[in-house]
């Protein structure tokens, strides 16, 4: 397989965004390997990651399997899906909306996740770093006014909201998009400093 090195650089940037930093030490690569396994249930060796990032010299291009695990970690189905998203068009390169880290959003930010064709959930960020209130929901068991914790939203991953509450009653964890994963993530509006922030 011939690797598109421009897309590989974009993929590394996407992984770094999800990881929170650029790995540049043995400890970083151990942490990244662990984080990838936790997020994808697939394992990539520390030496493999070091070669991809050029920390260790290598004359071999990364394999499709390695690229696909990294793409999955970054929020895509596989390497080909990532390349298709890049599309060869500079304006359609890696989308920051493919993976949203809740802690990066400002209070009041509104995002919408969609899956399964006719299912969606619109969430408003509260003052808590990972706490959201449901603005509206369609064809799912969550309702407007429900509150819960969402750490990340990633294309092709399940929608997971923990510590859900409805009217002050704890409901546990909601899991949506179990089969196909989230298919679309959109920023509906910028942060609103006057947004409600229950809990």
N, C-alpha and C. Protein backbone atom coordinates (compact mmCIF):
# COMPACT_ATOMS: atom_id res chain seq x y z
N UNK A 1 0.82 -1.19 0.00
CA UNK A 1 0.00 0.00 0.00
C UNK A 1 0.86 1.25 0.00
N UNK A 2 0.52 2.18 -0.90
CA UNK A 2 1.26 3.44 -0.96
C UNK A 2 0.60 4.43 -0.01
N UNK A 3 1.38 5.00 0.87
CA UNK A 3 0.84 5.92 1.87
C UNK A 3 0.83 7.34 1.31
N UNK A 4 -0.30 8.03 1.49
CA UNK A 4 -0.40 9.44 1.16
C UNK A 4 0.17 10.20 2.36
N UNK A 5 1.39 10.70 2.21
CA UNK A 5 2.07 11.29 3.36
C UNK A 5 1.44 12.60 3.81
N UNK A 6 0.77 13.32 2.89
CA UNK A 6 0.06 14.53 3.30
C UNK A 6 -1.08 14.15 4.24
N UNK A 7 -1.83 13.10 3.85
CA UNK A 7 -2.92 12.64 4.72
C UNK A 7 -2.40 12.02 6.00
N UNK A 8 -1.23 11.39 5.94
CA UNK A 8 -0.64 10.84 7.16
C UNK A 8 -0.33 11.95 8.15
N UNK A 9 0.20 13.06 7.66
CA UNK A 9 0.47 14.20 8.55
C UNK A 9 -0.83 14.73 9.17
N UNK A 10 -1.90 14.77 8.37
CA UNK A 10 -3.19 15.21 8.89
C UNK A 10 -3.72 14.24 9.93
N UNK A 11 -3.50 12.95 9.68
CA UNK A 11 -3.95 11.93 10.63
C UNK A 11 -3.19 12.06 11.95
N UNK A 12 -1.89 12.29 11.87
CA UNK A 12 -1.10 12.47 13.10
C UNK A 12 -1.60 13.69 13.87
N UNK A 13 -1.94 14.76 13.16
CA UNK A 13 -2.48 15.95 13.82
C UNK A 13 -3.80 15.63 14.51
N UNK A 14 -4.64 14.82 13.83
CA UNK A 14 -5.94 14.44 14.41
C UNK A 14 -5.74 13.61 15.67
N UNK A 15 -4.78 12.69 15.62
CA UNK A 15 -4.49 11.86 16.79
C UNK A 15 -3.97 12.72 17.93
N UNK A 16 -3.11 13.67 17.60
CA UNK A 16 -2.55 14.56 18.63
C UNK A 16 -3.64 15.40 19.29
N UNK A 17 -4.63 15.83 18.49
CA UNK A 17 -5.75 16.59 19.05
C UNK A 17 -6.51 15.74 20.06
N UNK A 18 -6.76 14.49 19.68
CA UNK A 18 -7.50 13.59 20.59
C UNK A 18 -6.67 13.28 21.83
N UNK A 19 -5.38 13.05 21.63
CA UNK A 19 -4.49 12.69 22.74
C UNK A 19 -4.21 13.89 23.65
N UNK A 20 -4.23 15.08 23.06
CA UNK A 20 -4.02 16.30 23.84
C UNK A 20 -2.65 16.90 23.73
N UNK A 21 -1.73 16.22 23.02
CA UNK A 21 -0.38 16.75 22.85
C UNK A 21 0.35 15.93 21.79
N UNK A 22 1.52 16.42 21.37
CA UNK A 22 2.35 15.68 20.43
C UNK A 22 3.27 14.75 21.22
N UNK A 23 3.21 13.43 20.96
CA UNK A 23 4.09 12.52 21.70
C UNK A 23 5.55 12.74 21.31
N UNK A 24 6.41 12.97 22.31
CA UNK A 24 7.82 13.22 22.00
C UNK A 24 8.75 12.65 23.06
N UNK A 25 8.27 11.65 23.80
CA UNK A 25 9.12 10.98 24.78
C UNK A 25 8.63 9.54 24.92
N UNK A 26 9.48 8.63 25.41
CA UNK A 26 9.03 7.24 25.61
C UNK A 26 7.77 7.15 26.46
N UNK A 27 7.67 7.97 27.49
CA UNK A 27 6.49 7.95 28.35
C UNK A 27 5.24 8.37 27.58
N UNK A 28 5.38 9.36 26.69
CA UNK A 28 4.24 9.81 25.87
C UNK A 28 3.74 8.67 25.00
N UNK A 29 4.65 7.92 24.40
CA UNK A 29 4.23 6.84 23.51
C UNK A 29 3.58 5.69 24.27
N UNK A 30 4.01 5.45 25.49
CA UNK A 30 3.36 4.45 26.33
C UNK A 30 1.93 4.91 26.63
N UNK A 31 1.78 6.19 26.98
CA UNK A 31 0.45 6.74 27.29
C UNK A 31 -0.45 6.71 26.07
N UNK A 32 0.10 7.07 24.90
CA UNK A 32 -0.70 7.08 23.67
C UNK A 32 -1.15 5.67 23.33
N UNK A 33 -0.25 4.70 23.44
CA UNK A 33 -0.60 3.31 23.15
C UNK A 33 -1.74 2.84 24.05
N UNK A 34 -1.65 3.18 25.33
CA UNK A 34 -2.69 2.80 26.28
C UNK A 34 -4.02 3.48 25.95
N UNK A 35 -3.96 4.77 25.60
CA UNK A 35 -5.16 5.53 25.28
C UNK A 35 -5.84 4.98 24.03
N UNK A 36 -5.04 4.60 23.04
CA UNK A 36 -5.58 4.03 21.80
C UNK A 36 -6.30 2.72 22.10
N UNK A 37 -5.68 1.87 22.92
CA UNK A 37 -6.30 0.59 23.26
C UNK A 37 -7.61 0.79 24.01
N UNK A 38 -7.62 1.76 24.92
CA UNK A 38 -8.83 2.04 25.69
C UNK A 38 -9.95 2.55 24.79
N UNK A 39 -9.60 3.41 23.84
CA UNK A 39 -10.61 4.04 22.98
C UNK A 39 -11.10 3.13 21.87
N UNK A 40 -10.23 2.25 21.36
CA UNK A 40 -10.58 1.46 20.18
C UNK A 40 -10.66 -0.04 20.41
N UNK A 41 -10.15 -0.50 21.55
CA UNK A 41 -9.98 -1.93 21.87
C UNK A 41 -8.96 -2.60 20.94
N UNK A 42 -8.25 -1.82 20.15
CA UNK A 42 -7.18 -2.34 19.29
C UNK A 42 -5.85 -1.87 19.85
N UNK A 43 -4.82 -2.70 19.70
CA UNK A 43 -3.53 -2.31 20.27
C UNK A 43 -2.52 -1.97 19.18
N UNK A 44 -1.77 -0.90 19.44
CA UNK A 44 -0.64 -0.53 18.58
C UNK A 44 0.60 -0.50 19.47
N UNK A 45 1.64 -1.17 19.04
CA UNK A 45 2.86 -1.25 19.83
C UNK A 45 3.54 0.11 19.97
N UNK A 46 4.25 0.26 21.06
CA UNK A 46 4.96 1.52 21.32
C UNK A 46 6.00 1.78 20.24
N UNK A 47 6.70 0.75 19.81
CA UNK A 47 7.72 0.94 18.76
C UNK A 47 7.07 1.33 17.43
N UNK A 48 5.88 0.79 17.16
CA UNK A 48 5.16 1.17 15.94
C UNK A 48 4.81 2.65 15.97
N UNK A 49 4.29 3.11 17.10
CA UNK A 49 3.94 4.53 17.23
C UNK A 49 5.18 5.42 17.10
N UNK A 50 6.28 4.99 17.68
CA UNK A 50 7.51 5.77 17.57
C UNK A 50 7.95 5.90 16.12
N UNK A 51 7.78 4.84 15.32
CA UNK A 51 8.15 4.90 13.91
C UNK A 51 7.23 5.84 13.13
N UNK A 52 5.93 5.78 13.42
CA UNK A 52 4.98 6.64 12.72
C UNK A 52 5.31 8.11 12.96
N UNK A 53 5.67 8.44 14.20
CA UNK A 53 5.97 9.84 14.54
C UNK A 53 7.42 10.23 14.27
N UNK A 54 8.22 9.29 13.74
CA UNK A 54 9.60 9.61 13.41
C UNK A 54 10.53 9.70 14.61
N UNK A 55 10.05 9.22 15.76
CA UNK A 55 10.89 9.22 16.96
C UNK A 55 11.99 8.18 16.81
N UNK A 56 11.68 7.12 16.03
CA UNK A 56 12.65 6.10 15.66
C UNK A 56 12.66 6.03 14.14
N UNK A 57 13.83 6.02 13.55
CA UNK A 57 13.97 5.98 12.09
C UNK A 57 13.44 4.66 11.54
N UNK A 58 12.74 4.75 10.40
CA UNK A 58 12.24 3.55 9.75
C UNK A 58 12.16 3.78 8.25
N UNK A 59 12.46 2.76 7.48
CA UNK A 59 12.38 2.87 6.02
C UNK A 59 11.05 2.32 5.51
N UNK A 60 10.22 1.82 6.41
CA UNK A 60 8.94 1.22 6.01
C UNK A 60 7.78 2.17 6.31
N UNK A 61 6.84 2.21 5.36
CA UNK A 61 5.63 3.01 5.58
C UNK A 61 4.71 2.27 6.54
N UNK A 62 3.88 2.99 7.28
CA UNK A 62 2.92 2.33 8.18
C UNK A 62 1.97 1.43 7.39
N UNK A 63 1.56 0.34 7.99
CA UNK A 63 0.63 -0.58 7.34
C UNK A 63 -0.79 -0.01 7.36
N UNK A 64 -1.64 -0.58 6.52
CA UNK A 64 -3.05 -0.17 6.50
C UNK A 64 -3.67 -0.39 7.87
N UNK A 65 -3.34 -1.50 8.51
CA UNK A 65 -3.91 -1.79 9.83
C UNK A 65 -3.52 -0.72 10.84
N UNK A 66 -2.25 -0.34 10.86
CA UNK A 66 -1.79 0.72 11.78
C UNK A 66 -2.52 2.02 11.50
N UNK A 67 -2.60 2.41 10.25
CA UNK A 67 -3.26 3.66 9.88
C UNK A 67 -4.74 3.63 10.24
N UNK A 68 -5.36 2.48 10.07
CA UNK A 68 -6.79 2.37 10.37
C UNK A 68 -7.07 2.45 11.86
N UNK A 69 -6.19 1.87 12.68
CA UNK A 69 -6.37 1.98 14.13
C UNK A 69 -6.21 3.43 14.56
N UNK A 70 -5.22 4.12 14.01
CA UNK A 70 -5.04 5.54 14.32
C UNK A 70 -6.25 6.35 13.86
N UNK A 71 -6.76 6.03 12.67
CA UNK A 71 -7.93 6.74 12.15
C UNK A 71 -9.14 6.49 13.04
N UNK A 72 -9.29 5.26 13.50
CA UNK A 72 -10.41 4.93 14.40
C UNK A 72 -10.29 5.73 15.70
N UNK A 73 -9.10 5.82 16.21
CA UNK A 73 -8.87 6.59 17.43
C UNK A 73 -9.24 8.06 17.21
N UNK A 74 -8.96 8.56 16.00
CA UNK A 74 -9.24 9.96 15.67
C UNK A 74 -10.71 10.20 15.34
N UNK A 75 -11.51 9.12 15.28
CA UNK A 75 -12.94 9.29 15.06
C UNK A 75 -13.45 8.86 13.71
N UNK A 76 -12.66 8.09 12.95
CA UNK A 76 -13.07 7.63 11.63
C UNK A 76 -13.17 6.11 11.60
N UNK A 77 -13.86 5.60 10.59
CA UNK A 77 -14.06 4.15 10.50
C UNK A 77 -12.76 3.42 10.20
N UNK A 78 -11.95 3.97 9.29
CA UNK A 78 -10.67 3.36 8.94
C UNK A 78 -9.83 4.38 8.16
N UNK A 79 -8.66 3.96 7.67
CA UNK A 79 -7.76 4.85 6.95
C UNK A 79 -8.41 5.40 5.69
N UNK A 80 -9.13 4.55 4.93
CA UNK A 80 -9.76 5.01 3.70
C UNK A 80 -10.84 6.05 3.98
N UNK A 81 -11.59 5.86 5.05
CA UNK A 81 -12.61 6.84 5.42
C UNK A 81 -11.97 8.18 5.78
N UNK A 82 -10.82 8.10 6.46
CA UNK A 82 -10.12 9.34 6.81
C UNK A 82 -9.66 10.05 5.54
N UNK A 83 -9.07 9.31 4.61
CA UNK A 83 -8.59 9.92 3.36
C UNK A 83 -9.75 10.50 2.55
N UNK A 84 -10.90 9.80 2.58
CA UNK A 84 -12.08 10.30 1.86
C UNK A 84 -12.55 11.62 2.47
N UNK A 85 -12.45 11.74 3.79
CA UNK A 85 -12.83 12.99 4.46
C UNK A 85 -11.89 14.11 4.03
N UNK A 86 -10.61 13.78 3.90
CA UNK A 86 -9.64 14.80 3.45
C UNK A 86 -9.95 15.21 2.03
N UNK A 87 -10.30 14.25 1.21
CA UNK A 87 -10.85 14.51 -0.12
C UNK A 87 -9.93 15.16 -1.12
N UNK A 88 -8.65 15.38 -0.76
CA UNK A 88 -7.75 16.00 -1.72
C UNK A 88 -8.01 17.49 -1.91
N UNK A 89 -8.95 18.04 -1.16
CA UNK A 89 -9.29 19.45 -1.27
C UNK A 89 -8.81 20.15 0.00
N UNK A 90 -7.98 21.15 -0.15
CA UNK A 90 -7.40 21.80 1.02
C UNK A 90 -8.46 22.32 1.98
N UNK A 91 -9.62 22.77 1.40
CA UNK A 91 -10.65 23.30 2.26
C UNK A 91 -11.47 22.20 2.91
N UNK A 92 -11.28 20.94 2.47
CA UNK A 92 -12.05 19.85 3.06
C UNK A 92 -11.15 18.85 3.76
N UNK A 93 -10.08 19.35 4.33
CA UNK A 93 -9.16 18.51 5.08
C UNK A 93 -9.79 18.03 6.37
N UNK A 94 -8.96 17.63 7.31
CA UNK A 94 -9.46 17.06 8.57
C UNK A 94 -10.44 18.02 9.23
N UNK A 95 -11.59 17.50 9.58
CA UNK A 95 -12.62 18.32 10.21
C UNK A 95 -12.49 18.26 11.72
N UNK A 96 -12.41 19.44 12.33
CA UNK A 96 -12.30 19.46 13.79
C UNK A 96 -13.59 18.97 14.44
N UNK A 97 -14.69 18.90 13.64
CA UNK A 97 -15.94 18.40 14.18
C UNK A 97 -16.01 16.88 14.19
N UNK A 98 -15.01 16.19 13.65
CA UNK A 98 -15.03 14.73 13.65
C UNK A 98 -14.81 14.18 15.04
N UNK A 99 -14.07 14.90 15.85
CA UNK A 99 -13.88 14.55 17.26
C UNK A 99 -14.03 15.83 18.08
N UNK A 100 -14.97 15.83 19.00
CA UNK A 100 -15.16 16.99 19.87
C UNK A 100 -14.85 16.56 21.30
N UNK A 101 -13.90 17.22 21.91
CA UNK A 101 -13.56 16.98 23.31
C UNK A 101 -14.36 17.98 24.14
N UNK A 102 -15.22 17.48 25.00
CA UNK A 102 -16.15 18.34 25.73
C UNK A 102 -15.45 19.45 26.50
N UNK A 103 -14.33 19.10 27.12
CA UNK A 103 -13.62 20.08 27.95
C UNK A 103 -13.11 21.27 27.13
N UNK A 104 -13.01 21.10 25.80
CA UNK A 104 -12.53 22.19 24.95
C UNK A 104 -13.64 23.19 24.61
N UNK A 105 -14.90 22.81 24.82
CA UNK A 105 -16.02 23.69 24.49
C UNK A 105 -16.25 24.72 25.58
N UNK A 106 -16.72 25.90 25.18
CA UNK A 106 -17.05 26.93 26.15
C UNK A 106 -18.45 26.68 26.70
N UNK A 107 -18.68 27.20 27.88
CA UNK A 107 -20.01 27.12 28.49
C UNK A 107 -21.04 27.73 27.55
N UNK A 108 -22.14 27.01 27.31
CA UNK A 108 -23.20 27.49 26.44
C UNK A 108 -23.10 27.02 25.01
N UNK A 109 -21.97 26.42 24.63
CA UNK A 109 -21.82 25.91 23.26
C UNK A 109 -22.87 24.83 23.00
N UNK A 110 -23.41 24.81 21.80
CA UNK A 110 -24.44 23.84 21.43
C UNK A 110 -23.93 22.99 20.28
N UNK A 111 -24.02 21.68 20.46
CA UNK A 111 -23.58 20.74 19.42
C UNK A 111 -24.70 19.73 19.18
N UNK A 112 -24.67 19.14 18.00
CA UNK A 112 -25.69 18.15 17.65
C UNK A 112 -25.02 16.91 17.09
N UNK A 113 -25.40 15.75 17.62
CA UNK A 113 -24.91 14.47 17.13
C UNK A 113 -26.07 13.74 16.45
N UNK A 114 -25.79 13.13 15.29
CA UNK A 114 -26.82 12.41 14.55
C UNK A 114 -26.34 11.00 14.25
N UNK A 115 -27.29 10.07 14.16
CA UNK A 115 -26.97 8.69 13.79
C UNK A 115 -28.24 7.99 13.34
N UNK A 116 -28.07 6.87 12.68
CA UNK A 116 -29.21 6.03 12.31
C UNK A 116 -30.23 6.71 11.42
N UNK A 117 -29.81 7.70 10.65
CA UNK A 117 -30.71 8.35 9.71
C UNK A 117 -31.64 9.37 10.33
N UNK A 118 -32.51 8.95 11.24
CA UNK A 118 -33.52 9.83 11.81
C UNK A 118 -33.39 9.98 13.33
N UNK A 119 -32.18 9.86 13.84
CA UNK A 119 -31.98 10.00 15.28
C UNK A 119 -30.96 11.11 15.52
N UNK A 120 -31.27 11.98 16.46
CA UNK A 120 -30.31 13.02 16.80
C UNK A 120 -30.53 13.52 18.22
N UNK A 121 -29.52 14.25 18.67
CA UNK A 121 -29.52 14.79 20.02
C UNK A 121 -28.77 16.12 19.98
N UNK A 122 -29.40 17.19 20.45
CA UNK A 122 -28.76 18.49 20.53
C UNK A 122 -28.45 18.79 21.99
N UNK A 123 -27.21 19.14 22.28
CA UNK A 123 -26.75 19.33 23.65
C UNK A 123 -26.18 20.72 23.87
N UNK A 124 -26.43 21.25 25.07
CA UNK A 124 -25.84 22.55 25.44
C UNK A 124 -24.87 22.34 26.59
N UNK A 125 -23.66 22.84 26.43
CA UNK A 125 -22.62 22.71 27.45
C UNK A 125 -22.95 23.58 28.66
N UNK A 126 -22.79 23.02 29.86
CA UNK A 126 -23.00 23.78 31.09
C UNK A 126 -21.65 24.29 31.59
N UNK A 127 -21.65 24.84 32.80
CA UNK A 127 -20.40 25.35 33.36
C UNK A 127 -19.43 24.23 33.72
N UNK A 128 -19.95 23.04 33.94
CA UNK A 128 -19.09 21.89 34.25
C UNK A 128 -18.35 21.47 32.98
N UNK A 129 -17.08 21.09 33.06
CA UNK A 129 -16.28 20.79 31.86
C UNK A 129 -16.85 19.72 30.93
N UNK A 130 -17.62 18.76 31.48
CA UNK A 130 -18.13 17.69 30.62
C UNK A 130 -19.63 17.46 30.79
N UNK A 131 -20.31 18.44 31.36
CA UNK A 131 -21.74 18.27 31.65
C UNK A 131 -22.59 19.00 30.61
N UNK A 132 -23.65 18.34 30.15
CA UNK A 132 -24.52 18.90 29.11
C UNK A 132 -25.99 18.77 29.51
N UNK A 133 -26.80 19.65 28.92
CA UNK A 133 -28.26 19.54 29.02
C UNK A 133 -28.80 19.29 27.62
N UNK A 134 -29.76 18.39 27.50
CA UNK A 134 -30.36 18.10 26.21
C UNK A 134 -31.29 19.25 25.82
N UNK A 135 -31.05 19.84 24.65
CA UNK A 135 -31.90 20.89 24.12
C UNK A 135 -33.08 20.28 23.39
N UNK A 136 -32.80 19.31 22.52
CA UNK A 136 -33.86 18.52 21.92
C UNK A 136 -33.30 17.17 21.50
N UNK A 137 -34.19 16.22 21.29
CA UNK A 137 -33.79 14.86 20.90
C UNK A 137 -34.89 14.29 20.03
N UNK A 138 -34.51 13.43 19.08
CA UNK A 138 -35.48 12.86 18.14
C UNK A 138 -35.26 11.37 17.99
N UNK A 139 -36.31 10.61 18.25
CA UNK A 139 -36.30 9.14 18.09
C UNK A 139 -35.29 8.44 19.00
N UNK A 140 -34.97 9.03 20.14
CA UNK A 140 -34.12 8.38 21.13
C UNK A 140 -34.76 8.52 22.51
N UNK A 141 -34.22 7.86 23.50
CA UNK A 141 -34.84 7.84 24.82
C UNK A 141 -34.51 9.04 25.69
N UNK A 142 -33.54 9.84 25.28
CA UNK A 142 -33.26 11.09 25.99
C UNK A 142 -34.32 12.12 25.60
N UNK A 143 -34.58 13.06 26.53
CA UNK A 143 -35.58 14.10 26.29
C UNK A 143 -34.99 15.48 26.59
N UNK A 144 -35.63 16.50 26.04
CA UNK A 144 -35.22 17.87 26.34
C UNK A 144 -35.27 18.08 27.85
N UNK A 145 -34.20 18.69 28.38
CA UNK A 145 -34.13 18.94 29.82
C UNK A 145 -33.30 17.92 30.57
N UNK A 146 -33.11 16.73 29.99
CA UNK A 146 -32.24 15.74 30.62
C UNK A 146 -30.83 16.29 30.69
N UNK A 147 -30.08 15.89 31.71
CA UNK A 147 -28.69 16.32 31.86
C UNK A 147 -27.81 15.10 32.01
N UNK A 148 -26.57 15.23 31.56
CA UNK A 148 -25.63 14.11 31.68
C UNK A 148 -24.22 14.52 31.32
N UNK A 149 -23.31 13.58 31.48
CA UNK A 149 -21.89 13.81 31.23
C UNK A 149 -21.47 13.16 29.92
N UNK A 150 -20.84 13.95 29.05
CA UNK A 150 -20.30 13.45 27.78
C UNK A 150 -18.85 13.90 27.70
N UNK A 151 -17.92 12.95 27.62
CA UNK A 151 -16.50 13.31 27.56
C UNK A 151 -16.06 13.68 26.15
N UNK A 152 -16.46 12.88 25.17
CA UNK A 152 -16.11 13.17 23.77
C UNK A 152 -17.26 12.75 22.86
N UNK A 153 -17.30 13.37 21.70
CA UNK A 153 -18.18 12.96 20.61
C UNK A 153 -17.28 12.66 19.42
N UNK A 154 -17.38 11.45 18.88
CA UNK A 154 -16.51 11.05 17.78
C UNK A 154 -17.31 10.37 16.69
N UNK A 155 -17.05 10.77 15.44
CA UNK A 155 -17.66 10.10 14.31
C UNK A 155 -17.32 8.61 14.37
N UNK A 156 -18.31 7.76 14.13
CA UNK A 156 -18.20 6.30 14.10
C UNK A 156 -18.15 5.65 15.48
N UNK A 157 -18.15 6.45 16.54
CA UNK A 157 -18.20 5.89 17.89
C UNK A 157 -19.62 5.96 18.44
N UNK A 158 -19.89 5.22 19.50
CA UNK A 158 -21.18 5.27 20.17
C UNK A 158 -21.37 6.65 20.82
N UNK A 159 -22.64 7.01 21.02
CA UNK A 159 -22.97 8.20 21.80
C UNK A 159 -23.17 7.74 23.24
N UNK A 160 -22.32 8.21 24.13
CA UNK A 160 -22.38 7.78 25.52
C UNK A 160 -22.56 8.99 26.43
N UNK A 161 -23.65 8.98 27.20
CA UNK A 161 -23.89 10.02 28.20
C UNK A 161 -24.05 9.33 29.56
N UNK A 162 -23.14 9.61 30.47
CA UNK A 162 -23.18 8.99 31.79
C UNK A 162 -23.83 9.91 32.81
N UNK A 163 -24.14 9.35 33.98
CA UNK A 163 -24.73 10.14 35.08
C UNK A 163 -25.94 10.94 34.63
N UNK A 164 -26.81 10.31 33.84
CA UNK A 164 -27.99 11.01 33.32
C UNK A 164 -28.99 11.31 34.44
N UNK A 165 -29.61 12.47 34.33
CA UNK A 165 -30.64 12.87 35.28
C UNK A 165 -31.83 13.44 34.53
N UNK A 166 -33.03 13.16 35.04
CA UNK A 166 -34.25 13.73 34.50
C UNK A 166 -35.09 14.23 35.66
N UNK A 167 -35.28 15.52 35.73
CA UNK A 167 -36.06 16.08 36.83
C UNK A 167 -35.49 15.76 38.19
N UNK A 168 -34.16 15.69 38.30
CA UNK A 168 -33.52 15.39 39.57
C UNK A 168 -33.42 13.91 39.89
N UNK A 169 -33.96 13.05 39.01
CA UNK A 169 -33.90 11.60 39.22
C UNK A 169 -32.76 11.02 38.40
N UNK A 170 -31.88 10.27 39.05
CA UNK A 170 -30.75 9.67 38.36
C UNK A 170 -31.23 8.48 37.51
N UNK A 171 -30.74 8.42 36.25
CA UNK A 171 -31.18 7.36 35.34
C UNK A 171 -30.03 6.46 34.88
N UNK A 172 -28.80 6.75 35.26
CA UNK A 172 -27.69 5.91 34.84
C UNK A 172 -27.06 6.39 33.55
N UNK A 173 -26.58 5.45 32.74
CA UNK A 173 -25.86 5.76 31.50
C UNK A 173 -26.73 5.48 30.28
N UNK A 174 -26.76 6.44 29.35
CA UNK A 174 -27.45 6.25 28.07
C UNK A 174 -26.41 5.96 27.00
N UNK A 175 -26.66 4.92 26.20
CA UNK A 175 -25.77 4.60 25.07
C UNK A 175 -26.61 4.55 23.80
N UNK A 176 -26.24 5.38 22.84
CA UNK A 176 -26.92 5.39 21.55
C UNK A 176 -25.94 5.09 20.43
N UNK A 177 -26.46 4.94 19.22
CA UNK A 177 -25.63 4.68 18.03
C UNK A 177 -24.78 3.43 18.22
N UNK A 178 -25.37 2.39 18.82
CA UNK A 178 -24.60 1.19 19.15
C UNK A 178 -24.09 0.44 17.93
N UNK A 179 -24.87 0.42 16.86
CA UNK A 179 -24.46 -0.39 15.71
C UNK A 179 -23.58 0.34 14.73
N UNK A 180 -24.03 1.51 14.25
CA UNK A 180 -23.27 2.20 13.19
C UNK A 180 -22.40 3.34 13.70
N UNK A 181 -22.60 3.77 14.94
CA UNK A 181 -21.84 4.89 15.47
C UNK A 181 -22.42 6.23 15.03
N UNK A 182 -21.91 7.29 15.61
CA UNK A 182 -22.35 8.64 15.25
C UNK A 182 -21.94 8.93 13.81
N UNK A 183 -22.85 9.48 13.02
CA UNK A 183 -22.55 9.75 11.61
C UNK A 183 -22.30 11.23 11.32
N UNK A 184 -22.73 12.10 12.23
CA UNK A 184 -22.55 13.53 12.00
C UNK A 184 -22.47 14.26 13.33
N UNK A 185 -21.55 15.22 13.41
CA UNK A 185 -21.43 16.10 14.58
C UNK A 185 -21.38 17.53 14.07
N UNK A 186 -22.23 18.39 14.61
CA UNK A 186 -22.30 19.77 14.13
C UNK A 186 -22.28 20.74 15.30
N UNK A 187 -21.60 21.88 15.09
CA UNK A 187 -21.70 23.00 16.02
C UNK A 187 -22.93 23.80 15.60
N UNK A 188 -23.93 23.87 16.48
CA UNK A 188 -25.15 24.60 16.15
C UNK A 188 -24.98 26.09 16.41
N UNK A 189 -24.32 26.44 17.52
CA UNK A 189 -24.11 27.86 17.82
C UNK A 189 -22.87 28.02 18.68
N UNK A 190 -22.38 29.24 18.72
CA UNK A 190 -21.23 29.57 19.57
C UNK A 190 -21.68 29.60 21.01
N UNK A 191 -20.71 29.70 21.91
CA UNK A 191 -21.02 29.73 23.33
C UNK A 191 -21.88 30.93 23.68
N UNK A 192 -22.77 30.69 24.62
CA UNK A 192 -23.65 31.75 25.12
C UNK A 192 -23.39 31.91 26.61
N UNK A 193 -22.75 32.98 27.03
CA UNK A 193 -22.37 33.14 28.42
C UNK A 193 -23.55 33.14 29.38
N UNK A 194 -24.78 33.39 28.85
CA UNK A 194 -25.94 33.41 29.73
C UNK A 194 -26.68 32.09 29.74
N UNK A 195 -26.08 31.06 29.11
CA UNK A 195 -26.76 29.75 29.03
C UNK A 195 -26.98 29.19 30.43
N UNK A 196 -28.09 28.46 30.56
CA UNK A 196 -28.37 27.81 31.84
C UNK A 196 -27.30 26.77 32.13
N UNK A 197 -27.04 26.52 33.38
CA UNK A 197 -26.04 25.52 33.71
C UNK A 197 -26.46 24.74 34.94
N UNK A 198 -27.51 23.88 34.78
CA UNK A 198 -27.95 23.08 35.92
C UNK A 198 -26.85 22.17 36.40
N UNK A 199 -26.83 21.96 37.64
CA UNK A 199 -25.86 21.13 38.37
C UNK A 199 -24.47 21.65 38.22
